[in-house]
PDB file of N, CA and C in Angstrom:
ATOM      1  N   MET A   1       0.846  -1.169   0.000  1.00  0.00           N
ATOM      2  CA  MET A   1       0.000   0.000   0.000  1.00  0.00           C
ATOM      3  C   MET A   1       0.898   1.242   0.000  1.00  0.00           C
ATOM      4  N   THR A   2       0.581   2.185  -0.886  1.00  0.00           N
ATOM      5  CA  THR A   2       1.358   3.418  -0.947  1.00  0.00           C
ATOM      6  C   THR A   2       0.937   4.353   0.201  1.00  0.00           C
ATOM      7  N   SER A   3       1.747   5.351   0.466  1.00  0.00           N
ATOM      8  CA  SER A   3       1.397   6.325   1.513  1.00  0.00           C
ATOM      9  C   SER A   3       0.141   7.110   1.104  1.00  0.00           C
ATOM     10  N   GLU A   4      -0.023   7.358  -0.194  1.00  0.00           N
ATOM     11  CA  GLU A   4      -1.218   8.066  -0.668  1.00  0.00           C
ATOM     12  C   GLU A   4      -2.479   7.224  -0.443  1.00  0.00           C
ATOM     13  N   GLU A   5      -2.376   5.919  -0.713  1.00  0.00           N
ATOM     14  CA  GLU A   5      -3.527   5.046  -0.460  1.00  0.00           C
ATOM     15  C   GLU A   5      -3.848   5.005   1.025  1.00  0.00           C
ATOM     16  N   ALA A   6      -2.829   4.960   1.862  1.00  0.00           N
ATOM     17  CA  ALA A   6      -3.046   4.970   3.313  1.00  0.00           C
ATOM     18  C   ALA A   6      -3.758   6.255   3.744  1.00  0.00           C
ATOM     19  N   THR A   7      -3.391   7.383   3.136  1.00  0.00           N
ATOM     20  CA  THR A   7      -4.056   8.654   3.441  1.00  0.00           C
ATOM     21  C   THR A   7      -5.528   8.598   3.046  1.00  0.00           C
ATOM     22  N   CYS A   8      -5.832   8.022   1.885  1.00  0.00           N
ATOM     23  CA  CYS A   8      -7.220   7.903   1.438  1.00  0.00           C
ATOM     24  C   CYS A   8      -8.026   6.999   2.361  1.00  0.00           C
ATOM     25  N   ARG A   9      -7.444   5.899   2.774  1.00  0.00           N
ATOM     26  CA  ARG A   9      -8.132   4.999   3.706  1.00  0.00           C
ATOM     27  C   ARG A   9      -8.370   5.696   5.046  1.00  0.00           C
ATOM     28  N   ALA A  10      -7.388   6.468   5.496  1.00  0.00           N
ATOM     29  CA  ALA A  10      -7.553   7.225   6.744  1.00  0.00           C
ATOM     30  C   ALA A  10      -8.671   8.252   6.596  1.00  0.00           C
ATOM     31  N   PHE A  11      -8.750   8.907   5.444  1.00  0.00           N
ATOM     32  CA  PHE A  11      -9.802   9.893   5.179  1.00  0.00           C
ATOM     33  C   PHE A  11     -11.186   9.262   5.362  1.00  0.00           C
ATOM     34  N   ILE A  12     -11.410   8.113   4.738  1.00  0.00           N
ATOM     35  CA  ILE A  12     -12.704   7.428   4.851  1.00  0.00           C
ATOM     36  C   ILE A  12     -12.943   6.970   6.292  1.00  0.00           C
ATOM     37  N   ASP A  13     -11.946   6.401   6.931  1.00  0.00           N
ATOM     38  CA  ASP A  13     -12.088   5.960   8.327  1.00  0.00           C
ATOM     39  C   ASP A  13     -12.480   7.120   9.236  1.00  0.00           C
ATOM     40  N   LEU A  14     -11.849   8.270   9.046  1.00  0.00           N
ATOM     41  CA  LEU A  14     -12.132   9.418   9.907  1.00  0.00           C
ATOM     42  C   LEU A  14     -13.526   9.990   9.665  1.00  0.00           C
ATOM     43  N   ILE A  15     -14.012   9.920   8.425  1.00  0.00           N
ATOM     44  CA  ILE A  15     -15.403  10.310   8.177  1.00  0.00           C
ATOM     45  C   ILE A  15     -16.344   9.346   8.891  1.00  0.00           C
ATOM     46  N   ASN A  16     -16.063   8.054   8.811  1.00  0.00           N
ATOM     47  CA  ASN A  16     -16.893   7.072   9.504  1.00  0.00           C
ATOM     48  C   ASN A  16     -16.920   7.322  11.011  1.00  0.00           C
ATOM     49  N   GLN A  17     -15.790   7.754  11.556  1.00  0.00           N
ATOM     50  CA  GLN A  17     -15.673   7.985  13.002  1.00  0.00           C
ATOM     51  C   GLN A  17     -16.130   9.376  13.425  1.00  0.00           C
ATOM     52  N   LYS A  18     -16.471  10.229  12.454  1.00  0.00           N
ATOM     53  CA  LYS A  18     -16.819  11.628  12.712  1.00  0.00           C
ATOM     54  C   LYS A  18     -15.682  12.358  13.433  1.00  0.00           C
ATOM     55  N   SER A  19     -14.458  12.045  13.059  1.00  0.00           N
ATOM     56  CA  SER A  19     -13.259  12.634  13.657  1.00  0.00           C
ATOM     57  C   SER A  19     -12.758  13.762  12.760  1.00  0.00           C
ATOM     58  N   PHE A  20     -13.443  14.896  12.806  1.00  0.00           N
ATOM     59  CA  PHE A  20     -13.164  15.977  11.865  1.00  0.00           C
ATOM     60  C   PHE A  20     -11.881  16.736  12.174  1.00  0.00           C
ATOM     61  N   LYS A  21     -11.500  16.820  13.429  1.00  0.00           N
ATOM     62  CA  LYS A  21     -10.224  17.476  13.754  1.00  0.00           C
ATOM     63  C   LYS A  21      -9.071  16.697  13.130  1.00  0.00           C
ATOM     64  N   GLU A  22      -9.077  15.372  13.302  1.00  0.00           N
ATOM     65  CA  GLU A  22      -8.036  14.530  12.722  1.00  0.00           C
ATOM     66  C   GLU A  22      -8.101  14.537  11.204  1.00  0.00           C
ATOM     67  N   LEU A  23      -9.317  14.590  10.658  1.00  0.00           N
ATOM     68  CA  LEU A  23      -9.494  14.664   9.214  1.00  0.00           C
ATOM     69  C   LEU A  23      -8.817  15.919   8.670  1.00  0.00           C
ATOM     70  N   GLY A  24      -8.944  17.016   9.390  1.00  0.00           N
ATOM     71  CA  GLY A  24      -8.321  18.264   8.978  1.00  0.00           C
ATOM     72  C   GLY A  24      -6.807  18.167   8.883  1.00  0.00           C
ATOM     73  N   GLU A  25      -6.211  17.299   9.669  1.00  0.00           N
ATOM     74  CA  GLU A  25      -4.762  17.126   9.637  1.00  0.00           C
ATOM     75  C   GLU A  25      -4.280  16.494   8.335  1.00  0.00           C
ATOM     76  N   LEU A  26      -5.186  15.830   7.614  1.00  0.00           N
ATOM     77  CA  LEU A  26      -4.827  15.213   6.329  1.00  0.00           C
ATOM     78  C   LEU A  26      -4.863  16.218   5.174  1.00  0.00           C
ATOM     79  N   LEU A  27      -5.533  17.358   5.395  1.00  0.00           N
ATOM     80  CA  LEU A  27      -5.774  18.316   4.320  1.00  0.00           C
ATOM     81  C   LEU A  27      -4.757  19.448   4.311  1.00  0.00           C
ATOM     82  N   ASP A  28      -4.376  19.858   3.107  1.00  0.00           N
ATOM     83  CA  ASP A  28      -3.577  21.068   2.941  1.00  0.00           C
ATOM     84  C   ASP A  28      -4.454  22.265   3.298  1.00  0.00           C
ATOM     85  N   VAL A  29      -3.856  23.332   3.764  1.00  0.00           N
ATOM     86  CA  VAL A  29      -4.611  24.520   4.184  1.00  0.00           C
ATOM     87  C   VAL A  29      -5.466  25.086   3.041  1.00  0.00           C
ATOM     88  N   SER A  30      -5.041  24.907   1.801  1.00  0.00           N
ATOM     89  CA  SER A  30      -5.802  25.412   0.656  1.00  0.00           C
ATOM     90  C   SER A  30      -6.541  24.301  -0.088  1.00  0.00           C
ATOM     91  N   ALA A  31      -6.795  23.194   0.578  1.00  0.00           N
ATOM     92  CA  ALA A  31      -7.476  22.058  -0.064  1.00  0.00           C
ATOM     93  C   ALA A  31      -8.837  22.486  -0.601  1.00  0.00           C
ATOM     94  N   SER A  32      -9.185  21.951  -1.774  1.00  0.00           N
ATOM     95  CA  SER A  32     -10.482  22.255  -2.380  1.00  0.00           C
ATOM     96  C   SER A  32     -11.385  21.027  -2.300  1.00  0.00           C
ATOM     97  N   LEU A  33     -12.693  21.310  -2.254  1.00  0.00           N
ATOM     98  CA  LEU A  33     -13.701  20.261  -2.200  1.00  0.00           C
ATOM     99  C   LEU A  33     -14.749  20.565  -3.248  1.00  0.00           C
ATOM    100  N   ASP A  34     -14.930  19.629  -4.180  1.00  0.00           N
ATOM    101  CA  ASP A  34     -15.975  19.704  -5.199  1.00  0.00           C
ATOM    102  C   ASP A  34     -17.019  18.665  -4.846  1.00  0.00           C
ATOM    103  N   TYR A  35     -18.247  19.119  -4.606  1.00  0.00           N
ATOM    104  CA  TYR A  35     -19.321  18.233  -4.185  1.00  0.00           C
ATOM    105  C   TYR A  35     -20.542  18.557  -5.033  1.00  0.00           C
ATOM    106  N   PRO A  36     -21.255  17.552  -5.532  1.00  0.00           N
ATOM    107  CA  PRO A  36     -22.406  17.818  -6.397  1.00  0.00           C
ATOM    108  C   PRO A  36     -23.423  18.772  -5.758  1.00  0.00           C
ATOM    109  N   GLY A  37     -23.831  19.768  -6.536  1.00  0.00           N
ATOM    110  CA  GLY A  37     -24.882  20.665  -6.095  1.00  0.00           C
ATOM    111  C   GLY A  37     -24.439  21.891  -5.326  1.00  0.00           C
ATOM    112  N   ILE A  38     -23.134  22.032  -5.060  1.00  0.00           N
ATOM    113  CA  ILE A  38     -22.653  23.231  -4.362  1.00  0.00           C
ATOM    114  C   ILE A  38     -21.475  23.817  -5.138  1.00  0.00           C
ATOM    115  N   SER A  39     -21.156  25.067  -4.842  1.00  0.00           N
ATOM    116  CA  SER A  39     -19.976  25.685  -5.433  1.00  0.00           C
ATOM    117  C   SER A  39     -18.726  25.072  -4.823  1.00  0.00           C
ATOM    118  N   GLN A  40     -17.648  25.070  -5.576  1.00  0.00           N
ATOM    119  CA  GLN A  40     -16.395  24.509  -5.081  1.00  0.00           C
ATOM    120  C   GLN A  40     -15.946  25.250  -3.823  1.00  0.00           C
ATOM    121  N   ILE A  41     -15.528  24.499  -2.825  1.00  0.00           N
ATOM    122  CA  ILE A  41     -14.993  25.044  -1.586  1.00  0.00           C
ATOM    123  C   ILE A  41     -13.478  25.046  -1.731  1.00  0.00           C
ATOM    124  N   ARG A  42     -12.838  26.161  -1.432  1.00  0.00           N
ATOM    125  CA  ARG A  42     -11.398  26.295  -1.662  1.00  0.00           C
ATOM    126  C   ARG A  42     -10.611  26.623  -0.407  1.00  0.00           C
ATOM    127  N   LYS A  43     -11.080  26.166   0.741  1.00  0.00           N
ATOM    128  CA  LYS A  43     -10.374  26.437   1.983  1.00  0.00           C
ATOM    129  C   LYS A  43     -10.608  25.270   2.938  1.00  0.00           C
ATOM    130  N   LYS A  44      -9.551  24.802   3.553  1.00  0.00           N
ATOM    131  CA  LYS A  44      -9.616  23.642   4.450  1.00  0.00           C
ATOM    132  C   LYS A  44     -10.699  23.799   5.508  1.00  0.00           C
ATOM    133  N   SER A  45     -10.728  24.920   6.207  1.00  0.00           N
ATOM    134  CA  SER A  45     -11.688  25.093   7.305  1.00  0.00           C
ATOM    135  C   SER A  45     -13.125  25.020   6.804  1.00  0.00           C
ATOM    136  N   MET A  46     -13.397  25.573   5.634  1.00  0.00           N
ATOM    137  CA  MET A  46     -14.751  25.527   5.081  1.00  0.00           C
ATOM    138  C   MET A  46     -15.111  24.111   4.622  1.00  0.00           C
ATOM    139  N   GLY A  47     -14.136  23.393   4.079  1.00  0.00           N
ATOM    140  CA  GLY A  47     -14.374  22.008   3.681  1.00  0.00           C
ATOM    141  C   GLY A  47     -14.707  21.127   4.875  1.00  0.00           C
ATOM    142  N   ILE A  48     -13.967  21.309   5.971  1.00  0.00           N
ATOM    143  CA  ILE A  48     -14.242  20.536   7.193  1.00  0.00           C
ATOM    144  C   ILE A  48     -15.631  20.878   7.722  1.00  0.00           C
ATOM    145  N   MET A  49     -15.985  22.166   7.725  1.00  0.00           N
ATOM    146  CA  MET A  49     -17.303  22.578   8.197  1.00  0.00           C
ATOM    147  C   MET A  49     -18.399  21.942   7.341  1.00  0.00           C
ATOM    148  N   PHE A  50     -18.219  21.939   6.013  1.00  0.00           N
ATOM    149  CA  PHE A  50     -19.205  21.330   5.128  1.00  0.00           C
ATOM    150  C   PHE A  50     -19.349  19.834   5.416  1.00  0.00           C
ATOM    151  N   LEU A  51     -18.229  19.110   5.527  1.00  0.00           N
ATOM    152  CA  LEU A  51     -18.283  17.670   5.784  1.00  0.00           C
ATOM    153  C   LEU A  51     -18.948  17.371   7.129  1.00  0.00           C
ATOM    154  N   ARG A  52     -18.664  18.196   8.127  1.00  0.00           N
ATOM    155  CA  ARG A  52     -19.284  18.028   9.447  1.00  0.00           C
ATOM    156  C   ARG A  52     -20.806  18.218   9.351  1.00  0.00           C
ATOM    157  N   GLN A  53     -21.244  19.273   8.644  1.00  0.00           N
ATOM    158  CA  GLN A  53     -22.675  19.533   8.494  1.00  0.00           C
ATOM    159  C   GLN A  53     -23.366  18.435   7.691  1.00  0.00           C
ATOM    160  N   LEU A  54     -22.695  17.956   6.659  1.00  0.00           N
ATOM    161  CA  LEU A  54     -23.258  16.879   5.851  1.00  0.00           C
ATOM    162  C   LEU A  54     -23.420  15.611   6.685  1.00  0.00           C
ATOM    163  N   ARG A  55     -22.392  15.252   7.425  1.00  0.00           N
ATOM    164  CA  ARG A  55     -22.427  14.036   8.255  1.00  0.00           C
ATOM    165  C   ARG A  55     -23.472  14.149   9.361  1.00  0.00           C
ATOM    166  N   ALA A  56     -23.742  15.380   9.829  1.00  0.00           N
ATOM    167  CA  ALA A  56     -24.724  15.600  10.901  1.00  0.00           C
ATOM    168  C   ALA A  56     -26.157  15.314  10.445  1.00  0.00           C
ATOM    169  N   LYS A  57     -26.377  15.144   9.147  1.00  0.00           N
ATOM    170  CA  LYS A  57     -27.713  14.833   8.642  1.00  0.00           C
ATOM    171  C   LYS A  57     -28.088  13.365   8.845  1.00  0.00           C
ATOM    172  N   PHE A  58     -27.164  12.594   9.417  1.00  0.00           N
ATOM    173  CA  PHE A  58     -27.372  11.156   9.580  1.00  0.00           C
ATOM    174  C   PHE A  58     -27.224  10.739  11.037  1.00  0.00           C
ATOM    175  N   GLN A  59     -28.146   9.865  11.474  1.00  0.00           N
ATOM    176  CA  GLN A  59     -27.991   9.219  12.777  1.00  0.00           C
ATOM    177  C   GLN A  59     -26.802   8.266  12.719  1.00  0.00           C
ATOM    178  N   GLN A  60     -26.707   7.597  11.595  1.00  0.00           N
ATOM    179  CA  GLN A  60     -25.644   6.614  11.379  1.00  0.00           C
ATOM    180  C   GLN A  60     -25.327   6.599   9.899  1.00  0.00           C
ATOM    181  N   LEU A  61     -24.033   6.527   9.570  1.00  0.00           N
ATOM    182  CA  LEU A  61     -23.598   6.426   8.177  1.00  0.00           C
ATOM    183  C   LEU A  61     -22.226   5.784   8.158  1.00  0.00           C
ATOM    184  N   SER A  62     -22.072   4.774   7.326  1.00  0.00           N
ATOM    185  CA  SER A  62     -20.797   4.065   7.253  1.00  0.00           C
ATOM    186  C   SER A  62     -20.407   3.850   5.792  1.00  0.00           C
ATOM    187  N   PHE A  63     -19.168   4.224   5.473  1.00  0.00           N
ATOM    188  CA  PHE A  63     -18.613   4.025   4.141  1.00  0.00           C
ATOM    189  C   PHE A  63     -17.744   2.780   4.121  1.00  0.00           C
ATOM    190  N   GLU A  64     -17.801   2.050   3.010  1.00  0.00           N
ATOM    191  CA  GLU A  64     -16.903   0.918   2.768  1.00  0.00           C
ATOM    192  C   GLU A  64     -16.199   1.162   1.446  1.00  0.00           C
ATOM    193  N   ILE A  65     -14.907   0.936   1.438  1.00  0.00           N
ATOM    194  CA  ILE A  65     -14.118   1.091   0.216  1.00  0.00           C
ATOM    195  C   ILE A  65     -14.168  -0.215  -0.573  1.00  0.00           C
ATOM    196  N   ASP A  66     -14.541  -0.115  -1.843  1.00  0.00           N
ATOM    197  CA  ASP A  66     -14.528  -1.283  -2.721  1.00  0.00           C
ATOM    198  C   ASP A  66     -13.193  -1.420  -3.441  1.00  0.00           C
ATOM    199  N   ARG A  67     -12.626  -0.257  -3.861  1.00  0.00           N
ATOM    200  CA  ARG A  67     -11.368  -0.305  -4.593  1.00  0.00           C
ATOM    201  C   ARG A  67     -10.746   1.083  -4.624  1.00  0.00           C
ATOM    202  N   ILE A  68      -9.424   1.116  -4.620  1.00  0.00           N
ATOM    203  CA  ILE A  68      -8.681   2.360  -4.807  1.00  0.00           C
ATOM    204  C   ILE A  68      -7.757   2.171  -6.001  1.00  0.00           C
ATOM    205  N   THR A  69      -7.830   3.101  -6.940  1.00  0.00           N
ATOM    206  CA  THR A  69      -6.970   3.096  -8.112  1.00  0.00           C
ATOM    207  C   THR A  69      -6.111   4.355  -8.073  1.00  0.00           C
ATOM    208  N   GLN A  70      -4.811   4.201  -8.324  1.00  0.00           N
ATOM    209  CA  GLN A  70      -3.896   5.331  -8.211  1.00  0.00           C
ATOM    210  C   GLN A  70      -3.113   5.543  -9.492  1.00  0.00           C
ATOM    211  N   THR A  71      -3.028   6.809  -9.898  1.00  0.00           N
ATOM    212  CA  THR A  71      -2.144   7.240 -10.977  1.00  0.00           C
ATOM    213  C   THR A  71      -1.371   8.430 -10.439  1.00  0.00           C
ATOM    214  N   GLY A  72      -0.111   8.233 -10.124  1.00  0.00           N
ATOM    215  CA  GLY A  72       0.679   9.297  -9.509  1.00  0.00           C
ATOM    216  C   GLY A  72       0.067   9.688  -8.176  1.00  0.00           C
ATOM    217  N   GLY A  73      -0.161  10.992  -7.991  1.00  0.00           N
ATOM    218  CA  GLY A  73      -0.738  11.492  -6.747  1.00  0.00           C
ATOM    219  C   GLY A  73      -2.239  11.620  -6.774  1.00  0.00           C
ATOM    220  N   VAL A  74      -2.887  11.083  -7.822  1.00  0.00           N
ATOM    221  CA  VAL A  74      -4.341  11.142  -7.930  1.00  0.00           C
ATOM    222  C   VAL A  74      -4.910   9.739  -7.702  1.00  0.00           C
ATOM    223  N   LEU A  75      -5.876   9.671  -6.790  1.00  0.00           N
ATOM    224  CA  LEU A  75      -6.469   8.382  -6.435  1.00  0.00           C
ATOM    225  C   LEU A  75      -7.976   8.429  -6.602  1.00  0.00           C
ATOM    226  N   ALA A  76      -8.537   7.342  -7.089  1.00  0.00           N
ATOM    227  CA  ALA A  76      -9.984   7.182  -7.210  1.00  0.00           C
ATOM    228  C   ALA A  76     -10.417   6.146  -6.184  1.00  0.00           C
ATOM    229  N   ILE A  77     -11.287   6.553  -5.282  1.00  0.00           N
ATOM    230  CA  ILE A  77     -11.805   5.648  -4.254  1.00  0.00           C
ATOM    231  C   ILE A  77     -13.230   5.272  -4.647  1.00  0.00           C
ATOM    232  N   GLU A  78     -13.440   4.017  -4.985  1.00  0.00           N
ATOM    233  CA  GLU A  78     -14.795   3.526  -5.249  1.00  0.00           C
ATOM    234  C   GLU A  78     -15.361   3.058  -3.915  1.00  0.00           C
ATOM    235  N   TRP A  79     -16.522   3.568  -3.545  1.00  0.00           N
ATOM    236  CA  TRP A  79     -17.091   3.288  -2.235  1.00  0.00           C
ATOM    237  C   TRP A  79     -18.589   3.035  -2.328  1.00  0.00           C
ATOM    238  N   ARG A  80     -19.098   2.515  -1.237  1.00  0.00           N
ATOM    239  CA  ARG A  80     -20.548   2.415  -1.031  1.00  0.00           C
ATOM    240  C   ARG A  80     -20.802   2.763   0.424  1.00  0.00           C
ATOM    241  N   ASN A  81     -21.993   3.254   0.693  1.00  0.00           N
ATOM    242  CA  ASN A  81     -22.315   3.574   2.068  1.00  0.00           C
ATOM    243  C   ASN A  81     -23.742   3.181   2.382  1.00  0.00           C
ATOM    244  N   ALA A  82     -24.041   3.134   3.653  1.00  0.00           N
ATOM    245  CA  ALA A  82     -25.388   2.843   4.127  1.00  0.00           C
ATOM    246  C   ALA A  82     -25.541   3.493   5.489  1.00  0.00           C
ATOM    247  N   GLY A  83     -26.764   3.910   5.770  1.00  0.00           N
ATOM    248  CA  GLY A  83     -27.005   4.521   7.061  1.00  0.00           C
ATOM    249  C   GLY A  83     -28.457   4.873   7.249  1.00  0.00           C
ATOM    250  N   VAL A  84     -28.690   5.722   8.250  1.00  0.00           N
ATOM    251  CA  VAL A  84     -30.030   6.176   8.588  1.00  0.00           C
ATOM    252  C   VAL A  84     -29.979   7.691   8.732  1.00  0.00           C
ATOM    253  N   LYS A  85     -30.861   8.381   7.998  1.00  0.00           N
ATOM    254  CA  LYS A  85     -30.949   9.834   8.110  1.00  0.00           C
ATOM    255  C   LYS A  85     -31.587  10.203   9.443  1.00  0.00           C
ATOM    256  N   ASN A  86     -31.480  11.462   9.812  1.00  0.00           N
ATOM    257  CA  ASN A  86     -32.037  11.928  11.081  1.00  0.00           C
ATOM    258  C   ASN A  86     -33.549  11.770  11.166  1.00  0.00           C
ATOM    259  N   ASP A  87     -34.230  11.732  10.020  1.00  0.00           N
ATOM    260  CA  ASP A  87     -35.685  11.545  10.031  1.00  0.00           C
ATOM    261  C   ASP A  87     -36.076  10.071  10.119  1.00  0.00           C
ATOM    262  N   GLY A  88     -35.074   9.179  10.231  1.00  0.00           N
ATOM    263  CA  GLY A  88     -35.335   7.753  10.392  1.00  0.00           C
ATOM    264  C   GLY A  88     -35.352   6.956   9.101  1.00  0.00           C
ATOM    265  N   THR A  89     -35.256   7.615   7.949  1.00  0.00           N
ATOM    266  CA  THR A  89     -35.272   6.872   6.690  1.00  0.00           C
ATOM    267  C   THR A  89     -33.895   6.263   6.413  1.00  0.00           C
ATOM    268  N   GLU A  90     -33.931   5.077   5.849  1.00  0.00           N
ATOM    269  CA  GLU A  90     -32.686   4.407   5.491  1.00  0.00           C
ATOM    270  C   GLU A  90     -32.099   5.061   4.247  1.00  0.00           C
ATOM    271  N   TYR A  91     -30.784   5.012   4.150  1.00  0.00           N
ATOM    272  CA  TYR A  91     -30.071   5.644   3.053  1.00  0.00           C
ATOM    273  C   TYR A  91     -28.963   4.705   2.598  1.00  0.00           C
ATOM    274  N   ALA A  92     -28.753   4.639   1.286  1.00  0.00           N
ATOM    275  CA  ALA A  92     -27.627   3.887   0.720  1.00  0.00           C
ATOM    276  C   ALA A  92     -27.222   4.567  -0.578  1.00  0.00           C
ATOM    277  N   ASN A  93     -25.936   4.528  -0.855  1.00  0.00           N
ATOM    278  CA  ASN A  93     -25.428   5.173  -2.054  1.00  0.00           C
ATOM    279  C   ASN A  93     -24.111   4.511  -2.443  1.00  0.00           C
ATOM    280  N   GLN A  94     -23.625   4.847  -3.614  1.00  0.00           N
ATOM    281  CA  GLN A  94     -22.301   4.407  -4.043  1.00  0.00           C
ATOM    282  C   GLN A  94     -21.742   5.462  -4.978  1.00  0.00           C
ATOM    283  N   GLY A  95     -20.412   5.512  -5.056  1.00  0.00           N
ATOM    284  CA  GLY A  95     -19.809   6.512  -5.908  1.00  0.00           C
ATOM    285  C   GLY A  95     -18.304   6.417  -5.939  1.00  0.00           C
ATOM    286  N   VAL A  96     -17.698   7.495  -6.420  1.00  0.00           N
ATOM    287  CA  VAL A  96     -16.248   7.593  -6.529  1.00  0.00           C
ATOM    288  C   VAL A  96     -15.832   8.942  -5.961  1.00  0.00           C
ATOM    289  N   THR A  97     -14.808   8.937  -5.154  1.00  0.00           N
ATOM    290  CA  THR A  97     -14.197  10.165  -4.664  1.00  0.00           C
ATOM    291  C   THR A  97     -12.789  10.228  -5.237  1.00  0.00           C
ATOM    292  N   MET A  98     -12.520  11.313  -5.932  1.00  0.00           N
ATOM    293  CA  MET A  98     -11.185  11.552  -6.481  1.00  0.00           C
ATOM    294  C   MET A  98     -10.421  12.411  -5.482  1.00  0.00           C
ATOM    295  N   ILE A  99      -9.220  11.969  -5.130  1.00  0.00           N
ATOM    296  CA  ILE A  99      -8.393  12.708  -4.180  1.00  0.00           C
ATOM    297  C   ILE A  99      -7.018  12.917  -4.800  1.00  0.00           C
ATOM    298  N   GLU A 100      -6.552  14.174  -4.755  1.00  0.00           N
ATOM    299  CA  GLU A 100      -5.200  14.490  -5.202  1.00  0.00           C
ATOM    300  C   GLU A 100      -4.353  14.788  -3.971  1.00  0.00           C
ATOM    301  N   ILE A 101      -3.193  14.136  -3.905  1.00  0.00           N
ATOM    302  CA  ILE A 101      -2.285  14.299  -2.773  1.00  0.00           C
ATOM    303  C   ILE A 101      -0.946  14.831  -3.278  1.00  0.00           C
ATOM    304  N   VAL A 102      -0.487  15.905  -2.629  1.00  0.00           N
ATOM    305  CA  VAL A 102       0.803  16.515  -2.955  1.00  0.00           C
ATOM    306  C   VAL A 102       1.577  16.680  -1.652  1.00  0.00           C
ATOM    307  N   ASP A 103       2.809  16.198  -1.634  1.00  0.00           N
ATOM    308  CA  ASP A 103       3.659  16.304  -0.444  1.00  0.00           C
ATOM    309  C   ASP A 103       2.970  15.772   0.809  1.00  0.00           C
ATOM    310  N   GLY A 104       2.229  14.681   0.647  1.00  0.00           N
ATOM    311  CA  GLY A 104       1.605  14.016   1.788  1.00  0.00           C
ATOM    312  C   GLY A 104       0.305  14.618   2.277  1.00  0.00           C
ATOM    313  N   LYS A 105      -0.160  15.692   1.654  1.00  0.00           N
ATOM    314  CA  LYS A 105      -1.403  16.348   2.084  1.00  0.00           C
ATOM    315  C   LYS A 105      -2.434  16.310   0.960  1.00  0.00           C
ATOM    316  N   ILE A 106      -3.697  16.176   1.341  1.00  0.00           N
ATOM    317  CA  ILE A 106      -4.783  16.195   0.358  1.00  0.00           C
ATOM    318  C   ILE A 106      -4.954  17.619  -0.157  1.00  0.00           C
ATOM    319  N   GLN A 107      -4.833  17.769  -1.489  1.00  0.00           N
ATOM    320  CA  GLN A 107      -4.984  19.062  -2.152  1.00  0.00           C
ATOM    321  C   GLN A 107      -6.392  19.275  -2.681  1.00  0.00           C
ATOM    322  N   SER A 108      -7.014  18.188  -3.152  1.00  0.00           N
ATOM    323  CA  SER A 108      -8.364  18.323  -3.691  1.00  0.00           C
ATOM    324  C   SER A 108      -9.151  17.034  -3.502  1.00  0.00           C
ATOM    325  N   ILE A 109     -10.455  17.237  -3.324  1.00  0.00           N
ATOM    326  CA  ILE A 109     -11.413  16.144  -3.169  1.00  0.00           C
ATOM    327  C   ILE A 109     -12.560  16.452  -4.113  1.00  0.00           C
ATOM    328  N   SER A 110     -12.937  15.482  -4.929  1.00  0.00           N
ATOM    329  CA  SER A 110     -14.054  15.665  -5.844  1.00  0.00           C
ATOM    330  C   SER A 110     -14.932  14.424  -5.793  1.00  0.00           C
ATOM    331  N   ASP A 111     -16.200  14.620  -5.437  1.00  0.00           N
ATOM    332  CA  ASP A 111     -17.130  13.497  -5.252  1.00  0.00           C
ATOM    333  C   ASP A 111     -18.065  13.337  -6.442  1.00  0.00           C
ATOM    334  N   TYR A 112     -18.301  12.088  -6.797  1.00  0.00           N
ATOM    335  CA  TYR A 112     -19.265  11.709  -7.827  1.00  0.00           C
ATOM    336  C   TYR A 112     -20.056  10.538  -7.267  1.00  0.00           C
ATOM    337  N   PHE A 113     -21.389  10.672  -7.229  1.00  0.00           N
ATOM    338  CA  PHE A 113     -22.174   9.558  -6.706  1.00  0.00           C
ATOM    339  C   PHE A 113     -23.539   9.491  -7.362  1.00  0.00           C
ATOM    340  N   LYS A 114     -24.223   8.376  -7.135  1.00  0.00           N
ATOM    341  CA  LYS A 114     -25.446   8.083  -7.866  1.00  0.00           C
ATOM    342  C   LYS A 114     -26.651   8.890  -7.402  1.00  0.00           C
ATOM    343  N   HIS A 115     -26.845   9.011  -6.105  1.00  0.00           N
ATOM    344  CA  HIS A 115     -28.071   9.629  -5.576  1.00  0.00           C
ATOM    345  C   HIS A 115     -27.699  10.841  -4.731  1.00  0.00           C
ATOM    346  N   HIS A 116     -28.228  12.040  -5.081  1.00  0.00           N
ATOM    347  CA  HIS A 116     -27.912  13.208  -4.268  1.00  0.00           C
ATOM    348  C   HIS A 116     -29.132  13.875  -3.657  1.00  0.00           C
ATOM    349  N   ALA A 117     -30.293  13.353  -3.831  1.00  0.00           N
ATOM    350  CA  ALA A 117     -31.502  14.018  -3.335  1.00  0.00           C
ATOM    351  C   ALA A 117     -31.429  14.253  -1.826  1.00  0.00           C
ATOM    352  N   GLY A 118     -31.622  15.497  -1.431  1.00  0.00           N
ATOM    353  CA  GLY A 118     -31.707  15.857  -0.021  1.00  0.00           C
ATOM    354  C   GLY A 118     -30.414  15.802   0.757  1.00  0.00           C
ATOM    355  N   LEU A 119     -29.268  15.836   0.092  1.00  0.00           N
ATOM    356  CA  LEU A 119     -27.997  15.732   0.820  1.00  0.00           C
ATOM    357  C   LEU A 119     -27.309  17.064   1.061  1.00  0.00           C
ATOM    358  N   HIS A 120     -27.776  18.166   0.491  1.00  0.00           N
ATOM    359  CA  HIS A 120     -27.109  19.440   0.768  1.00  0.00           C
ATOM    360  C   HIS A 120     -28.124  20.505   1.061  1.00  0.00           C
TER     361      HIS A 120
END
């Protein structure tokens, strides 16, 4: 496993654990986040705030990695998730998160997934 793959696995683990302070340690200060339905976020603190607010919409949510593909410092994480929204409805999705890593820090995150209704 490369150090970049380990960083991607840590990223998913920390989202599952709702450990946003530790998640922030993986990101470069100018890290960008591209998420369907919102404008690109171009600052680490704003990206962490967005991820925290998004995760807060769920009583429970767990991601599983199906595969990671790497070309240089760019990695594609194929994942699936399942959980329960705060209103009690079950939720499941699958998608790909593209992560670019430079000098050991995440520079950009771009999400692509199948179902986005009611997530932002």
